[in-house]
N, C-alpha and C. Protein backbone atom coordinates (compact mmCIF):
# COMPACT_ATOMS: atom_id res chain seq x y z
N MET A 1 -24.34 21.74 -9.17
CA MET A 1 -23.98 20.80 -9.71
C MET A 1 -22.40 21.09 -10.38
N ILE A 2 -21.23 20.83 -9.55
CA ILE A 2 -19.99 21.00 -9.71
C ILE A 2 -19.61 20.06 -11.03
N LEU A 3 -19.01 20.88 -12.02
CA LEU A 3 -18.02 20.24 -12.95
C LEU A 3 -16.95 19.40 -12.85
N SER A 4 -16.98 18.22 -13.53
CA SER A 4 -15.99 17.15 -13.63
C SER A 4 -15.15 17.54 -14.57
N ASP A 5 -13.63 16.72 -14.77
CA ASP A 5 -13.10 16.99 -15.58
C ASP A 5 -13.66 16.59 -17.26
N ARG A 6 -14.27 16.08 -17.07
CA ARG A 6 -15.05 15.52 -18.22
C ARG A 6 -15.98 16.55 -19.14
N ASP A 7 -16.65 17.36 -18.20
CA ASP A 7 -17.51 18.20 -18.28
C ASP A 7 -16.54 19.94 -18.47
N ILE A 8 -15.92 19.89 -17.58
CA ILE A 8 -14.54 21.23 -18.27
C ILE A 8 -14.26 20.91 -19.64
N GLU A 9 -13.64 20.09 -20.04
CA GLU A 9 -12.99 19.35 -21.57
C GLU A 9 -13.80 19.64 -22.36
N ILE A 10 -15.52 19.32 -22.78
CA ILE A 10 -16.53 19.70 -23.20
C ILE A 10 -16.56 20.92 -23.42
N LEU A 11 -16.70 21.49 -22.47
CA LEU A 11 -16.90 22.95 -22.16
C LEU A 11 -15.91 23.68 -23.00
N ILE A 12 -14.80 23.62 -22.76
CA ILE A 12 -13.40 24.09 -23.59
C ILE A 12 -13.52 23.84 -25.33
N LYS A 13 -13.85 22.42 -25.36
CA LYS A 13 -14.17 21.97 -26.92
C LYS A 13 -14.89 22.89 -27.76
N ALA A 14 -16.03 22.87 -26.76
CA ALA A 14 -17.33 23.81 -27.20
C ALA A 14 -16.99 25.27 -27.48
N GLY A 15 -15.62 25.89 -26.63
CA GLY A 15 -15.44 27.33 -27.27
C GLY A 15 -16.53 28.12 -25.93
N GLU A 16 -17.16 27.59 -24.87
CA GLU A 16 -18.28 28.13 -23.76
C GLU A 16 -17.43 28.43 -23.39
N LEU A 17 -16.24 27.73 -22.34
CA LEU A 17 -15.17 27.86 -20.99
C LEU A 17 -13.82 28.41 -21.98
N TRP A 18 -13.21 29.05 -21.46
CA TRP A 18 -12.23 29.68 -22.54
C TRP A 18 -11.06 29.89 -21.07
N VAL A 19 -9.93 29.11 -21.34
CA VAL A 19 -8.94 29.08 -20.45
C VAL A 19 -7.26 29.29 -21.00
N GLU A 20 -7.06 30.67 -21.15
CA GLU A 20 -5.50 31.04 -21.69
C GLU A 20 -4.66 31.42 -20.77
N PRO A 21 -3.15 30.43 -20.97
CA PRO A 21 -2.56 29.44 -21.47
C PRO A 21 -2.99 28.00 -21.08
N LEU A 22 -4.24 27.25 -21.63
CA LEU A 22 -4.11 26.05 -20.99
C LEU A 22 -2.81 24.84 -21.28
N GLU A 23 -2.82 24.51 -20.14
CA GLU A 23 -2.03 23.21 -20.27
C GLU A 23 -2.69 22.15 -19.15
N ALA A 24 -2.36 21.15 -19.95
CA ALA A 24 -3.53 19.70 -19.34
C ALA A 24 -3.31 19.30 -18.40
N ASP A 25 -2.29 19.66 -17.38
CA ASP A 25 -2.46 19.43 -16.19
C ASP A 25 -3.08 20.50 -15.09
N ILE A 26 -3.55 21.51 -15.47
CA ILE A 26 -4.49 22.13 -14.66
C ILE A 26 -5.83 22.05 -14.79
N ILE A 27 -6.41 21.28 -15.66
CA ILE A 27 -7.68 20.33 -15.59
C ILE A 27 -7.73 19.23 -14.69
N ARG A 28 -8.08 19.47 -13.27
CA ARG A 28 -8.61 18.62 -12.52
C ARG A 28 -9.59 17.77 -12.41
N GLU A 29 -10.17 16.92 -11.29
CA GLU A 29 -10.92 15.80 -11.12
C GLU A 29 -12.52 16.67 -10.81
N ASN A 30 -12.21 18.15 -10.34
CA ASN A 30 -13.62 18.81 -10.12
C ASN A 30 -13.11 20.35 -10.28
N GLY A 31 -12.15 20.86 -11.42
CA GLY A 31 -11.92 22.03 -11.13
C GLY A 31 -10.81 22.20 -12.27
N LEU A 32 -10.35 23.60 -12.19
CA LEU A 32 -9.05 23.73 -12.67
C LEU A 32 -8.29 24.09 -11.69
N ASP A 33 -6.61 23.66 -11.63
CA ASP A 33 -5.53 24.56 -10.70
C ASP A 33 -5.18 25.47 -11.75
N LEU A 34 -4.95 26.55 -11.37
CA LEU A 34 -4.61 28.16 -11.55
C LEU A 34 -3.07 28.58 -11.21
N ARG A 35 -2.29 28.85 -12.30
CA ARG A 35 -1.26 29.08 -11.64
C ARG A 35 -0.73 30.86 -10.94
N LEU A 36 -0.02 30.49 -10.63
CA LEU A 36 0.58 32.09 -10.14
C LEU A 36 1.26 32.84 -11.10
N GLY A 37 0.43 34.04 -11.53
CA GLY A 37 1.04 35.10 -11.78
C GLY A 37 2.42 35.81 -11.89
N GLY A 38 2.85 36.74 -12.52
CA GLY A 38 3.99 37.36 -11.72
C GLY A 38 4.23 39.06 -11.47
N ALA A 39 3.13 39.08 -10.98
CA ALA A 39 3.17 40.67 -9.98
C ALA A 39 2.25 39.95 -8.74
N TYR A 40 2.40 40.94 -7.93
CA TYR A 40 1.54 41.22 -6.62
C TYR A 40 1.97 42.51 -5.90
N CYS A 41 1.14 42.72 -5.17
CA CYS A 41 0.92 44.29 -4.17
C CYS A 41 0.54 43.43 -3.00
N ALA A 42 1.66 43.90 -2.03
CA ALA A 42 1.82 44.00 -0.49
C ALA A 42 1.17 44.86 -0.20
N PHE A 43 0.14 45.15 1.11
CA PHE A 43 -0.28 45.55 1.88
C PHE A 43 0.54 46.67 2.55
N VAL A 44 0.44 47.85 2.42
CA VAL A 44 1.06 48.82 2.92
C VAL A 44 0.40 49.19 4.23
N HIS A 45 1.49 48.79 5.56
CA HIS A 45 1.11 48.64 6.95
C HIS A 45 1.25 50.56 7.17
N THR A 46 0.09 51.69 7.15
CA THR A 46 -0.04 52.93 7.08
C THR A 46 -1.05 53.13 8.52
N ASP A 47 -1.18 54.49 8.92
CA ASP A 47 -2.01 55.42 9.69
C ASP A 47 -2.74 55.87 8.98
N LYS A 48 -2.36 55.99 7.30
CA LYS A 48 -3.16 57.04 6.78
C LYS A 48 -4.80 55.90 6.43
N VAL A 49 -5.91 56.83 6.59
CA VAL A 49 -7.05 56.11 6.23
C VAL A 49 -7.50 55.71 4.53
N LEU A 50 -8.28 55.07 4.09
CA LEU A 50 -8.07 54.57 2.47
C LEU A 50 -9.76 54.73 2.99
N ASP A 51 -10.13 56.09 2.20
CA ASP A 51 -11.45 56.70 2.19
C ASP A 51 -12.09 56.50 0.49
N PRO A 52 -12.53 55.17 0.33
CA PRO A 52 -13.29 54.99 -0.83
C PRO A 52 -13.78 55.87 -1.59
N ARG A 53 -14.40 57.23 -1.30
CA ARG A 53 -14.67 58.37 -1.93
C ARG A 53 -13.89 59.37 -2.45
N SER A 54 -13.08 59.24 -1.97
CA SER A 54 -11.39 59.90 -2.07
C SER A 54 -10.38 59.36 -1.98
N PRO A 55 -9.87 58.24 -2.85
CA PRO A 55 -8.92 56.96 -2.00
C PRO A 55 -7.47 57.62 -1.97
N GLY A 56 -6.91 58.84 -3.21
CA GLY A 56 -6.10 59.23 -2.89
C GLY A 56 -4.86 58.03 -3.95
N ASN A 57 -3.71 58.23 -3.45
CA ASN A 57 -2.29 57.47 -3.83
C ASN A 57 -2.82 56.13 -3.74
N PRO A 58 -2.81 55.13 -4.70
CA PRO A 58 -2.37 53.72 -4.19
C PRO A 58 -1.42 53.34 -3.68
N SER A 59 -0.14 53.77 -4.05
CA SER A 59 0.98 53.59 -2.94
C SER A 59 1.07 54.20 -2.12
N ASP A 60 0.37 54.30 -1.32
CA ASP A 60 0.59 54.75 0.28
C ASP A 60 -0.58 53.82 0.85
N PHE A 61 -1.53 52.54 0.02
CA PHE A 61 -1.59 51.60 0.79
C PHE A 61 -1.07 50.00 0.10
N TYR A 62 -0.89 50.33 -1.09
CA TYR A 62 -0.25 48.91 -1.69
C TYR A 62 1.41 49.15 -2.32
N ASP A 63 1.99 48.06 -1.90
CA ASP A 63 3.09 47.85 -2.59
C ASP A 63 3.05 47.17 -4.07
N CYS A 64 3.36 47.50 -5.01
CA CYS A 64 3.09 46.81 -6.20
C CYS A 64 4.52 46.45 -6.58
N ARG A 65 4.56 45.14 -6.70
CA ARG A 65 5.80 44.79 -7.72
C ARG A 65 6.01 43.42 -9.11
N GLU A 66 6.48 43.56 -9.55
CA GLU A 66 6.79 42.40 -10.98
C GLU A 66 7.83 41.34 -9.73
N ALA A 67 7.59 40.53 -9.86
CA ALA A 67 8.22 39.05 -9.30
C ALA A 67 9.19 38.50 -10.75
N GLY A 68 8.64 39.17 -12.25
CA GLY A 68 8.76 38.54 -13.00
C GLY A 68 9.01 37.45 -13.30
N ASP A 69 9.99 36.21 -13.62
CA ASP A 69 9.30 34.57 -13.89
C ASP A 69 10.07 33.97 -12.93
N SER A 70 10.14 34.66 -11.58
CA SER A 70 11.09 33.70 -10.68
C SER A 70 10.05 33.36 -9.31
N PHE A 71 10.31 33.88 -8.22
CA PHE A 71 9.74 34.07 -7.25
C PHE A 71 9.13 35.25 -6.15
N PHE A 72 8.54 35.57 -5.41
CA PHE A 72 8.33 35.85 -4.59
C PHE A 72 8.12 35.11 -2.42
N ILE A 73 8.30 35.96 -1.80
CA ILE A 73 8.30 35.39 -0.63
C ILE A 73 6.95 36.48 0.12
N VAL A 74 5.75 35.56 0.43
CA VAL A 74 4.89 35.98 1.82
C VAL A 74 5.68 35.65 2.72
N GLU A 75 5.51 36.80 3.30
CA GLU A 75 6.23 37.31 5.00
C GLU A 75 4.93 36.93 5.84
N PRO A 76 5.38 36.67 7.35
CA PRO A 76 4.27 36.08 7.94
C PRO A 76 3.36 37.44 8.39
N HIS A 77 2.08 36.80 8.36
CA HIS A 77 0.53 37.59 8.70
C HIS A 77 0.79 38.89 7.90
N LYS A 78 1.19 38.81 6.78
CA LYS A 78 1.46 40.15 5.85
C LYS A 78 -0.07 39.67 4.69
N HIS A 79 -0.57 40.58 4.27
CA HIS A 79 -1.57 40.88 3.40
C HIS A 79 -1.15 40.89 1.70
N TYR A 80 -1.20 39.85 1.06
CA TYR A 80 -0.93 40.50 -0.54
C TYR A 80 -2.27 40.21 -1.63
N LEU A 81 -2.13 40.89 -2.55
CA LEU A 81 -2.66 40.97 -4.04
C LEU A 81 -1.72 40.04 -4.65
N LEU A 82 -2.67 39.15 -5.13
CA LEU A 82 -1.45 38.02 -6.38
C LEU A 82 -2.61 37.82 -7.66
N HIS A 83 -2.40 37.54 -8.38
CA HIS A 83 -3.17 37.28 -9.75
C HIS A 83 -2.74 35.87 -10.28
N THR A 84 -3.61 35.51 -11.40
CA THR A 84 -3.66 34.36 -11.65
C THR A 84 -2.48 33.88 -13.37
N LEU A 85 -1.88 33.55 -13.45
CA LEU A 85 -1.42 33.36 -14.67
C LEU A 85 -2.40 33.09 -15.73
N GLU A 86 -3.33 32.35 -15.81
CA GLU A 86 -4.39 31.69 -16.20
C GLU A 86 -5.50 33.38 -16.61
N TYR A 87 -5.74 33.36 -17.89
CA TYR A 87 -6.82 34.41 -18.04
C TYR A 87 -8.06 33.42 -18.55
N ILE A 88 -9.23 33.52 -17.96
CA ILE A 88 -10.85 32.61 -18.12
C ILE A 88 -11.96 33.19 -18.88
N ARG A 89 -12.67 32.63 -19.13
CA ARG A 89 -13.67 33.75 -19.45
C ARG A 89 -14.95 32.28 -19.34
N LEU A 90 -15.69 32.27 -18.56
CA LEU A 90 -16.71 31.77 -17.94
C LEU A 90 -18.06 31.85 -18.68
N PRO A 91 -18.75 30.89 -19.17
CA PRO A 91 -20.11 31.13 -19.50
C PRO A 91 -21.19 31.95 -18.47
N PRO A 92 -22.15 32.33 -18.57
CA PRO A 92 -23.39 32.67 -18.18
C PRO A 92 -24.11 31.87 -17.02
N TYR A 93 -23.15 30.49 -17.55
CA TYR A 93 -24.23 29.64 -16.44
C TYR A 93 -23.58 29.00 -15.71
N VAL A 94 -22.17 29.36 -15.76
CA VAL A 94 -21.20 28.53 -14.71
C VAL A 94 -20.28 29.31 -13.43
N ALA A 95 -20.49 29.50 -12.58
CA ALA A 95 -19.50 30.36 -11.26
C ALA A 95 -18.20 29.46 -10.88
N GLY A 96 -17.61 30.05 -10.39
CA GLY A 96 -16.52 29.38 -9.70
C GLY A 96 -16.34 29.60 -8.35
N LEU A 97 -15.76 28.73 -7.49
CA LEU A 97 -15.49 28.96 -6.34
C LEU A 97 -14.01 28.55 -6.26
N VAL A 98 -12.95 29.75 -5.63
CA VAL A 98 -11.75 29.57 -5.11
C VAL A 98 -11.39 29.14 -4.35
N ASN A 99 -10.21 28.41 -3.89
CA ASN A 99 -9.72 27.72 -2.93
C ASN A 99 -8.07 27.58 -2.99
N LEU A 100 -7.52 27.90 -2.12
CA LEU A 100 -5.97 27.66 -2.02
C LEU A 100 -5.99 25.76 -2.16
N ARG A 101 -4.73 25.42 -3.18
CA ARG A 101 -4.62 23.91 -3.37
C ARG A 101 -4.46 23.39 -1.95
N SER A 102 -4.84 22.19 -1.43
CA SER A 102 -4.15 21.81 -0.15
C SER A 102 -2.82 22.00 0.21
N THR A 103 -1.90 21.87 -0.82
CA THR A 103 -0.72 21.64 -0.42
C THR A 103 -0.18 23.03 0.17
N TRP A 104 -0.46 24.05 -0.61
CA TRP A 104 -0.19 25.49 0.34
C TRP A 104 -0.99 26.01 1.34
N ALA A 105 -2.59 25.43 1.53
CA ALA A 105 -2.85 25.56 2.96
C ALA A 105 -1.77 24.81 4.09
N ARG A 106 -1.57 23.88 3.78
CA ARG A 106 -0.68 23.26 4.85
C ARG A 106 0.37 24.09 5.05
N THR A 107 0.78 25.08 4.17
CA THR A 107 1.61 25.89 4.92
C THR A 107 1.40 26.95 5.86
N GLY A 108 -0.20 27.15 6.06
CA GLY A 108 -0.63 28.08 6.65
C GLY A 108 -0.95 29.19 5.86
N ILE A 109 -0.90 29.44 4.39
CA ILE A 109 -1.12 30.58 4.08
C ILE A 109 -3.13 30.35 4.16
N TYR A 110 -3.15 31.56 4.12
CA TYR A 110 -4.81 31.62 3.57
C TYR A 110 -5.29 32.51 2.91
N ILE A 111 -6.15 32.75 1.92
CA ILE A 111 -6.86 33.39 1.23
C ILE A 111 -8.43 33.08 1.80
N PRO A 112 -9.09 34.18 1.48
CA PRO A 112 -10.69 34.64 2.45
C PRO A 112 -11.10 33.72 1.29
N SER A 113 -12.70 33.25 1.15
CA SER A 113 -13.68 33.23 0.73
C SER A 113 -13.79 33.73 -1.04
N THR A 114 -13.87 33.08 -2.09
CA THR A 114 -13.64 34.26 -3.47
C THR A 114 -14.74 33.56 -4.10
N VAL A 115 -15.68 34.01 -4.89
CA VAL A 115 -16.37 33.53 -5.92
C VAL A 115 -16.21 34.03 -7.14
N VAL A 116 -15.93 33.20 -8.13
CA VAL A 116 -16.29 33.88 -9.46
C VAL A 116 -17.18 34.18 -9.98
N ASP A 117 -17.90 35.25 -10.45
CA ASP A 117 -19.53 35.75 -11.15
C ASP A 117 -19.14 34.70 -12.65
N ALA A 118 -20.70 34.12 -12.78
CA ALA A 118 -21.10 33.63 -13.75
C ALA A 118 -20.55 34.91 -14.99
N GLY A 119 -20.00 34.66 -16.27
CA GLY A 119 -19.96 35.37 -17.17
C GLY A 119 -18.46 36.43 -16.79
N PHE A 120 -17.78 36.01 -16.17
CA PHE A 120 -16.46 36.89 -15.45
C PHE A 120 -15.50 36.29 -16.82
N GLU A 121 -14.74 37.36 -17.03
CA GLU A 121 -13.79 37.09 -18.15
C GLU A 121 -12.43 37.81 -17.63
N GLY A 122 -11.07 37.35 -17.56
CA GLY A 122 -10.01 38.14 -17.13
C GLY A 122 -9.03 37.24 -16.45
N GLN A 123 -7.73 37.62 -15.39
CA GLN A 123 -7.51 36.76 -15.02
C GLN A 123 -7.66 37.61 -13.13
N LEU A 124 -7.64 36.43 -12.41
CA LEU A 124 -8.23 36.32 -11.46
C LEU A 124 -7.28 37.47 -10.50
N THR A 125 -7.62 38.14 -9.35
CA THR A 125 -6.52 38.55 -8.38
C THR A 125 -7.26 38.18 -7.25
N ILE A 126 -6.17 37.97 -6.11
CA ILE A 126 -6.83 37.05 -5.12
C ILE A 126 -6.31 37.67 -3.69
N GLU A 127 -6.68 37.34 -2.63
CA GLU A 127 -5.92 38.01 -1.89
C GLU A 127 -5.24 36.81 -1.07
N VAL A 128 -4.24 37.28 -0.31
CA VAL A 128 -3.25 36.65 0.18
C VAL A 128 -3.20 36.40 1.47
N ILE A 129 -3.26 35.92 2.92
CA ILE A 129 -2.96 36.16 4.20
C ILE A 129 -1.32 35.48 4.70
N GLY A 130 -0.27 35.66 4.57
CA GLY A 130 0.77 35.08 5.40
C GLY A 130 0.71 34.31 6.28
N SER A 131 1.56 33.43 6.53
CA SER A 131 1.41 32.39 7.65
C SER A 131 2.04 32.53 8.92
N GLU A 132 2.70 31.89 9.62
CA GLU A 132 3.41 31.44 10.66
C GLU A 132 4.93 31.68 10.40
N PHE A 133 5.03 31.48 9.24
CA PHE A 133 6.17 31.81 8.70
C PHE A 133 6.63 32.29 7.17
N PRO A 134 7.81 32.93 6.56
CA PRO A 134 7.91 33.26 5.01
C PRO A 134 7.79 31.99 4.31
N VAL A 135 6.96 32.12 3.12
CA VAL A 135 6.99 31.00 2.35
C VAL A 135 7.13 31.62 0.65
N LYS A 136 7.98 31.02 0.36
CA LYS A 136 8.55 31.31 -0.99
C LYS A 136 7.42 30.60 -2.06
N LEU A 137 6.85 31.43 -3.02
CA LEU A 137 5.77 31.28 -3.92
C LEU A 137 6.70 31.65 -5.37
N TYR A 138 6.47 30.79 -6.74
CA TYR A 138 7.25 30.40 -7.30
C TYR A 138 6.40 30.94 -8.93
N VAL A 139 6.51 31.63 -9.55
CA VAL A 139 5.85 32.19 -10.49
C VAL A 139 5.60 30.88 -11.16
N GLY A 140 3.87 30.74 -11.92
CA GLY A 140 3.88 29.47 -12.53
C GLY A 140 3.83 28.30 -11.95
N ASP A 141 3.76 28.04 -10.56
CA ASP A 141 3.40 26.81 -9.94
C ASP A 141 1.60 27.16 -9.88
N ARG A 142 1.02 25.88 -9.55
CA ARG A 142 -0.21 25.90 -9.63
C ARG A 142 -0.80 26.59 -7.93
N PHE A 143 -1.35 27.15 -7.88
CA PHE A 143 -1.73 27.47 -6.07
C PHE A 143 -2.98 27.60 -6.13
N LEU A 144 -4.10 27.68 -7.21
CA LEU A 144 -5.46 28.17 -6.48
C LEU A 144 -5.92 26.92 -7.58
N HIS A 145 -7.49 26.27 -6.44
CA HIS A 145 -8.06 25.09 -7.42
C HIS A 145 -9.39 26.17 -7.89
N LEU A 146 -9.67 26.26 -8.81
CA LEU A 146 -11.18 26.51 -9.14
C LEU A 146 -12.13 25.69 -9.59
N VAL A 147 -13.12 25.60 -8.73
CA VAL A 147 -14.32 24.92 -9.03
C VAL A 147 -15.49 25.40 -9.51
N LEU A 148 -15.31 24.64 -10.87
CA LEU A 148 -16.19 25.35 -11.18
C LEU A 148 -18.19 24.65 -11.21
N VAL A 149 -18.83 25.22 -11.08
CA VAL A 149 -20.46 25.04 -10.63
C VAL A 149 -21.45 25.45 -12.05
N LYS A 150 -22.19 24.46 -12.36
CA LYS A 150 -23.13 24.82 -13.18
C LYS A 150 -24.41 25.05 -12.65
N MET A 151 -25.02 26.51 -13.25
CA MET A 151 -26.39 26.98 -12.18
C MET A 151 -27.20 26.05 -13.36
N GLU A 152 -28.71 26.52 -12.54
CA GLU A 152 -29.78 25.67 -12.78
C GLU A 152 -30.34 26.74 -13.86
N THR A 153 -30.04 27.67 -14.03
CA THR A 153 -30.49 28.38 -15.38
C THR A 153 -29.22 29.51 -15.84
N PRO A 154 -29.21 29.77 -16.86
CA PRO A 154 -28.12 30.65 -17.25
C PRO A 154 -28.25 32.13 -16.09
N SER A 155 -27.04 32.91 -16.05
CA SER A 155 -27.34 34.24 -14.86
C SER A 155 -28.42 35.29 -16.52
N SER A 156 -29.47 35.61 -15.51
CA SER A 156 -29.63 36.71 -16.69
C SER A 156 -29.27 38.44 -17.06
N LYS A 157 -27.86 38.24 -15.70
CA LYS A 157 -27.18 39.37 -16.12
C LYS A 157 -25.96 38.91 -15.46
N PRO A 158 -25.17 38.53 -16.14
CA PRO A 158 -23.75 38.23 -16.32
C PRO A 158 -23.04 38.87 -15.94
N TYR A 159 -21.98 38.55 -15.51
CA TYR A 159 -20.80 39.98 -14.98
C TYR A 159 -20.33 40.74 -16.36
N SER A 160 -20.65 42.12 -15.33
CA SER A 160 -19.92 42.87 -16.40
C SER A 160 -19.41 44.22 -15.53
N GLY A 161 -19.05 43.89 -14.81
CA GLY A 161 -18.37 45.05 -13.98
C GLY A 161 -17.00 45.54 -14.34
N LYS A 162 -16.27 46.37 -13.37
CA LYS A 162 -15.26 46.82 -13.88
C LYS A 162 -13.93 45.86 -13.80
N TYR A 163 -13.80 45.20 -13.31
CA TYR A 163 -13.13 43.88 -13.62
C TYR A 163 -12.72 42.90 -14.50
N LYS A 164 -14.01 42.99 -15.29
CA LYS A 164 -14.03 42.24 -16.60
C LYS A 164 -12.84 42.37 -17.34
N GLY A 165 -12.59 41.43 -17.62
CA GLY A 165 -10.97 41.64 -18.80
C GLY A 165 -9.72 42.02 -18.03
N GLN A 166 -9.68 42.00 -16.98
CA GLN A 166 -8.55 42.33 -15.56
C GLN A 166 -7.64 41.54 -16.50
N ARG A 167 -6.10 42.37 -16.21
CA ARG A 167 -5.04 41.87 -16.39
C ARG A 167 -4.05 41.96 -15.16
N GLY A 168 -3.69 40.63 -14.55
CA GLY A 168 -2.48 41.19 -13.21
C GLY A 168 -2.99 41.56 -12.21
N VAL A 169 -2.63 41.93 -10.85
CA VAL A 169 -3.18 42.35 -10.26
C VAL A 169 -4.21 43.76 -10.38
N ARG A 170 -5.28 43.49 -9.94
CA ARG A 170 -6.38 44.51 -10.04
C ARG A 170 -6.68 45.10 -8.36
N LEU A 171 -6.45 46.81 -8.13
CA LEU A 171 -6.64 46.88 -6.84
C LEU A 171 -8.07 47.25 -6.91
N PRO A 172 -8.77 47.62 -5.81
CA PRO A 172 -10.19 48.17 -5.47
C PRO A 172 -10.17 49.11 -6.44
N GLN A 173 -11.77 48.82 -7.21
CA GLN A 173 -11.90 49.80 -8.36
C GLN A 173 -12.39 50.69 -8.33
N PHE A 174 -12.69 51.37 -6.72
CA PHE A 174 -12.54 53.16 -6.52
C PHE A 174 -11.06 53.78 -6.72
N PHE A 175 -9.78 52.81 -6.98
CA PHE A 175 -8.70 53.67 -7.53
C PHE A 175 -8.93 53.90 -8.98
N THR A 176 -8.63 55.05 -9.70
CA THR A 176 -8.89 55.43 -11.36
C THR A 176 -7.62 55.03 -11.85
N TYR A 177 -8.61 53.63 -13.28
CA TYR A 177 -7.29 53.29 -13.67
C TYR A 177 -7.67 54.04 -15.48
């Protein structure tokens, strides 16, 4: 069952679903519109092989920067990791499906399918792929739509992996933190 705005408000008021900072305009008809955070990592074009068993230096593969409170530009066909401004905590009976807001999809920007596991807590890190032309993204703009889905029964193993509690852009778990 997809949660409506009323369902979401009930869960927030009950303390079951947590969103910080919570602005009234991010609660939508059937989910949450999450805003763009202030950091990003651009994938580096390289001939080096990323070996997950011995990944080496992350800067060989990612150029991570702070946009601060302003903007950054998504270059054509380039891949990026971005993060949400909001820190969320899902209960063990709610999972999330991440979609790009349609306005941004109409610019040609693309994100791969992303699922937020039941019990996840943290800011979301999302891969974004550039369009045919450069697109300017502003920090704080509503960028993603998170559809919340109520599971028939709570997960017996809610998410407790290495990304739990993440803030900012989080690189793959095989890089040591």
